[in-house]
Amino acid sequence: MPKIVDEAERKARIAKTVWEIAAEHGLHAATMRAVAAQCELSVGAIQHSFASQARLQRHAMALLVEQAKTRIEVVAQTDSNGMIDESVECASDAGNRATAARAIISSDQPEHVVLLLEQLLPLDKERRQEARAWAMFSNEALFDDDLRAYATEMNGLMEQFCRSCLEHLNECGLVRRDADLLVEASALQALLDGLTLRLLADPTPGTAAIARQTLRRYLQRLQ
């Protein structure tokens, strides 16, 4: 009996191989031939799933965005005890899930928000690989309109998550009254971007500790 191939699973495996190659050698190195060799597939098998190099890159970038969405949803649904709130899991659509998630980022302490924000930083091997690949894609998106759409979507996800964290702190009375949450969310997003680049350049424990402390200092300044 011929082996049944799960096309979605195969595409995901191919896309993750693009990330691996891009993270180590740059996006230009993630050719169909290189991806096929690392996946132990023929070039024809890659072309069966992706008719062109451009389509392969778009799918790989789109999957990075989807993985970021999943991580943000899981992080936002996690309370201070590490539990997932059932009201978020049962929400019927993305808008309701976002509303529920904002309602249950559930610690009254800024430290818990720091822990949430840390999940978006490249503080382990998996997230470093994703962040390195994303940096390569983001650079390419400056010149490619199709890739730019995914970069814009990722930017929106990060902006909304930063705003949700600050709205939670504000509801807890932990943000000073004269603070502009939209401006501060933009500043927090820029801070995360900067910390990400620093951690990619120097992924040592000392740099990680400085990144965590920087987030704490930023949130303390808002009080």
Protein backbone atom coordinates (compact mmCIF):
# COMPACT_ATOMS: atom_id res chain seq x y z
CA MET A 1 0.00 0.00 0.00
CA PRO A 2 1.48 3.41 -0.95
CA LYS A 3 2.40 5.68 1.94
CA ILE A 4 -0.17 8.41 2.58
CA VAL A 5 1.53 11.80 2.62
CA ASP A 6 0.04 14.54 4.77
CA GLU A 7 0.62 17.53 2.50
CA ALA A 8 0.14 20.11 5.25
CA GLU A 9 2.63 18.30 7.47
CA ARG A 10 5.14 18.01 4.63
CA LYS A 11 4.82 21.71 3.80
CA ALA A 12 5.38 22.58 7.45
CA ARG A 13 8.50 20.41 7.56
CA ILE A 14 9.82 22.04 4.40
CA ALA A 15 9.08 25.53 5.73
CA LYS A 16 10.87 24.80 9.01
CA THR A 17 13.87 23.63 7.02
CA VAL A 18 13.85 27.01 5.26
CA TRP A 19 13.97 28.63 8.73
CA GLU A 20 16.90 26.43 9.78
CA ILE A 21 18.93 27.25 6.68
CA ALA A 22 18.04 30.94 6.76
CA ALA A 23 18.93 31.17 10.45
CA GLU A 24 22.36 29.64 9.85
CA HIS A 25 23.35 30.91 6.42
CA GLY A 26 20.89 33.62 5.33
CA LEU A 27 17.71 33.45 3.29
CA HIS A 28 19.63 33.38 0.00
CA ALA A 29 21.02 29.98 1.00
CA ALA A 30 17.57 28.41 1.41
CA THR A 31 17.28 27.34 -2.22
CA MET A 32 15.01 24.53 -3.31
CA ARG A 33 18.04 22.31 -3.82
CA ALA A 34 19.42 23.04 -0.33
CA VAL A 35 16.03 22.56 1.29
CA ALA A 36 15.46 19.31 -0.59
CA ALA A 37 18.86 17.97 0.49
CA GLN A 38 18.27 18.79 4.16
CA CYS A 39 14.73 17.31 4.06
CA GLU A 40 16.05 14.23 2.23
CA LEU A 41 13.58 14.86 -0.57
CA SER A 42 14.03 15.35 -4.28
CA VAL A 43 13.87 18.81 -5.79
CA GLY A 44 10.83 17.57 -7.70
CA ALA A 45 9.09 16.76 -4.42
CA ILE A 46 9.71 20.32 -3.20
CA GLN A 47 8.42 21.70 -6.50
CA HIS A 48 5.31 19.54 -6.16
CA SER A 49 4.43 21.50 -3.01
CA PHE A 50 5.86 24.86 -4.09
CA ALA A 51 5.94 25.81 -7.75
CA SER A 52 8.58 28.50 -7.22
CA GLN A 53 11.21 29.74 -4.81
CA ALA A 54 9.02 32.79 -4.10
CA ARG A 55 6.07 30.60 -3.07
CA LEU A 56 8.33 28.57 -0.82
CA GLN A 57 9.57 31.73 0.91
CA ARG A 58 6.04 33.12 1.30
CA HIS A 59 4.81 29.89 2.88
CA ALA A 60 7.76 29.77 5.26
CA MET A 61 7.17 33.37 6.35
CA ALA A 62 3.41 32.80 6.69
CA LEU A 63 4.08 29.80 8.94
CA LEU A 64 6.33 31.93 11.14
CA VAL A 65 3.46 34.39 11.55
CA GLU A 66 1.04 31.58 12.42
CA GLN A 67 3.47 30.17 14.97
CA ALA A 68 3.81 33.63 16.53
CA LYS A 69 0.01 33.90 16.71
CA THR A 70 -0.18 30.57 18.51
CA ARG A 71 2.55 31.54 20.98
CA ILE A 72 0.89 34.90 21.71
CA GLU A 73 -2.51 33.26 22.24
CA VAL A 74 -1.05 30.65 24.59
CA VAL A 75 0.92 33.28 26.50
CA ALA A 76 -2.09 35.58 26.80
CA GLN A 77 -4.28 32.69 27.99
CA THR A 78 -1.86 31.68 30.75
CA ASP A 79 -2.58 32.95 34.25
CA SER A 80 -0.05 33.52 37.02
CA ASN A 81 -0.21 29.83 38.00
CA GLY A 82 0.56 28.68 34.46
CA MET A 83 -3.03 27.57 33.80
CA ILE A 84 -5.11 28.16 30.67
CA ASP A 85 -8.36 29.99 31.24
CA GLU A 86 -11.30 27.94 29.87
CA SER A 87 -13.21 31.06 28.81
CA VAL A 88 -10.53 31.76 26.22
CA GLU A 89 -10.42 28.20 24.90
CA CYS A 90 -14.21 28.25 24.46
CA ALA A 91 -14.40 31.68 22.78
CA SER A 92 -16.08 31.27 19.41
CA ASP A 93 -13.86 33.49 17.26
CA ALA A 94 -10.56 35.35 17.23
CA GLY A 95 -12.12 38.62 18.35
CA ASN A 96 -13.77 37.00 21.36
CA ARG A 97 -10.55 35.18 22.21
CA ALA A 98 -8.63 38.45 22.15
CA THR A 99 -11.20 40.09 24.43
CA ALA A 100 -11.13 37.15 26.83
CA ALA A 101 -7.35 37.04 26.83
CA ARG A 102 -7.11 40.72 27.76
CA ALA A 103 -9.51 40.07 30.61
CA ILE A 104 -7.51 37.22 32.14
CA ILE A 105 -3.84 38.21 31.96
CA SER A 106 -4.43 37.55 35.56
CA SER A 107 -1.66 38.68 37.88
CA ASP A 108 -1.85 42.05 39.62
CA GLN A 109 1.96 42.15 39.59
CA PRO A 110 4.08 43.69 36.82
CA GLU A 111 6.44 40.73 37.24
CA HIS A 112 3.87 38.43 35.64
CA VAL A 113 3.62 40.76 32.63
CA VAL A 114 7.41 40.64 32.39
CA LEU A 115 7.19 36.84 32.26
CA LEU A 116 4.60 37.09 29.48
CA LEU A 117 6.72 39.52 27.46
CA GLU A 118 9.78 37.32 27.89
CA GLN A 119 8.04 34.60 25.90
CA LEU A 120 8.40 36.79 22.80
CA LEU A 121 12.17 37.13 23.19
CA PRO A 122 14.74 34.65 21.75
CA LEU A 123 15.70 33.19 25.13
CA ASP A 124 15.94 29.56 24.05
CA LYS A 125 17.21 27.64 21.03
CA GLU A 126 13.84 27.33 19.29
CA ARG A 127 12.95 31.00 19.65
CA ARG A 128 16.45 32.08 18.59
CA GLN A 129 16.14 30.08 15.41
CA GLU A 130 12.72 31.57 14.68
CA ALA A 131 13.93 35.10 15.43
CA ARG A 132 17.02 34.72 13.23
CA ALA A 133 14.88 33.41 10.37
CA TRP A 134 12.38 36.23 10.90
CA ALA A 135 15.19 38.79 10.74
CA MET A 136 16.23 37.38 7.36
CA PHE A 137 12.65 37.45 6.06
CA SER A 138 12.08 40.97 7.37
CA ASN A 139 15.11 42.21 5.49
CA GLU A 140 13.87 40.58 2.29
CA ALA A 141 10.39 42.05 2.88
CA LEU A 142 11.85 45.53 2.36
CA PHE A 143 12.06 44.66 -1.34
CA ASP A 144 9.23 42.14 -1.77
CA ASP A 145 5.60 43.29 -1.55
CA ASP A 146 4.29 39.77 -0.97
CA LEU A 147 6.59 39.18 2.00
CA ARG A 148 5.92 42.70 3.31
CA ALA A 149 2.29 41.77 3.95
CA TYR A 150 3.42 39.11 6.44
CA ALA A 151 5.80 41.53 8.11
CA THR A 152 2.92 43.98 8.51
CA GLU A 153 0.72 41.27 10.02
CA MET A 154 3.42 40.28 12.51
CA ASN A 155 3.89 43.93 13.46
CA GLY A 156 0.16 44.20 14.17
CA LEU A 157 0.22 41.09 16.36
CA MET A 158 3.09 42.42 18.43
CA GLU A 159 1.48 45.84 18.76
CA GLN A 160 -1.81 44.37 19.97
CA PHE A 161 -0.10 42.12 22.49
CA CYS A 162 1.94 45.00 23.92
CA ARG A 163 -1.21 47.10 24.17
CA SER A 164 -3.07 44.27 25.92
CA CYS A 165 -0.33 43.94 28.53
CA LEU A 166 -0.33 47.67 29.26
CA GLU A 167 -4.14 47.80 29.35
CA HIS A 168 -4.06 45.06 31.98
CA LEU A 169 -1.57 46.98 34.11
CA ASN A 170 -3.63 50.12 33.68
CA GLU A 171 -6.78 48.32 34.88
CA CYS A 172 -4.79 47.20 37.93
CA GLY A 173 -3.85 50.82 38.67
CA LEU A 174 -0.20 50.21 37.84
CA VAL A 175 0.17 52.81 35.10
CA ARG A 176 0.33 56.53 35.90
CA ARG A 177 -2.70 58.54 34.79
CA ASP A 178 -0.88 60.77 32.31
CA ALA A 179 0.56 57.82 30.32
CA ASP A 180 -0.58 57.49 26.70
CA LEU A 181 -1.10 53.74 26.28
CA LEU A 182 -0.87 53.84 22.49
CA VAL A 183 2.48 55.62 22.62
CA GLU A 184 3.73 53.37 25.40
CA ALA A 185 2.66 50.22 23.53
CA SER A 186 4.66 51.43 20.53
CA ALA A 187 7.65 52.12 22.79
CA LEU A 188 7.34 48.67 24.38
CA GLN A 189 7.20 47.02 20.98
CA ALA A 190 10.32 48.92 19.90
CA LEU A 191 12.02 47.84 23.12
CA LEU A 192 11.20 44.18 22.41
CA ASP A 193 12.54 44.56 18.86
CA GLY A 194 15.77 46.05 20.18
CA LEU A 195 16.19 43.40 22.86
CA THR A 196 15.59 40.70 20.27
CA LEU A 197 18.40 42.00 18.07
CA ARG A 198 20.73 42.29 21.05
CA LEU A 199 19.97 38.72 22.15
CA LEU A 200 20.55 37.43 18.63
CA ALA A 201 23.92 39.18 18.51
CA ASP A 202 24.91 38.01 22.00
CA PRO A 203 22.84 35.05 23.25
CA THR A 204 24.66 34.74 26.58
CA PRO A 205 23.11 34.41 30.05
CA GLY A 206 24.36 37.88 30.96
CA THR A 207 22.57 39.48 28.02
CA ALA A 208 19.41 37.53 28.83
CA ALA A 209 19.52 38.80 32.41
CA ILE A 210 19.95 42.39 31.20
CA ALA A 211 16.98 41.95 28.82
CA ARG A 212 14.74 40.77 31.67
CA GLN A 213 15.86 43.61 33.91
CA THR A 214 15.29 46.14 31.12
CA LEU A 215 11.67 44.99 30.79
CA ARG A 216 11.17 45.34 34.56
CA ARG A 217 12.65 48.83 34.57
CA TYR A 218 10.43 49.88 31.67
CA LEU A 219 7.25 48.74 33.44
CA GLN A 220 8.38 50.35 36.71
CA ARG A 221 8.82 53.65 34.88
CA LEU A 222 5.15 53.58 33.89
CA GLN A 223 3.94 53.57 37.49
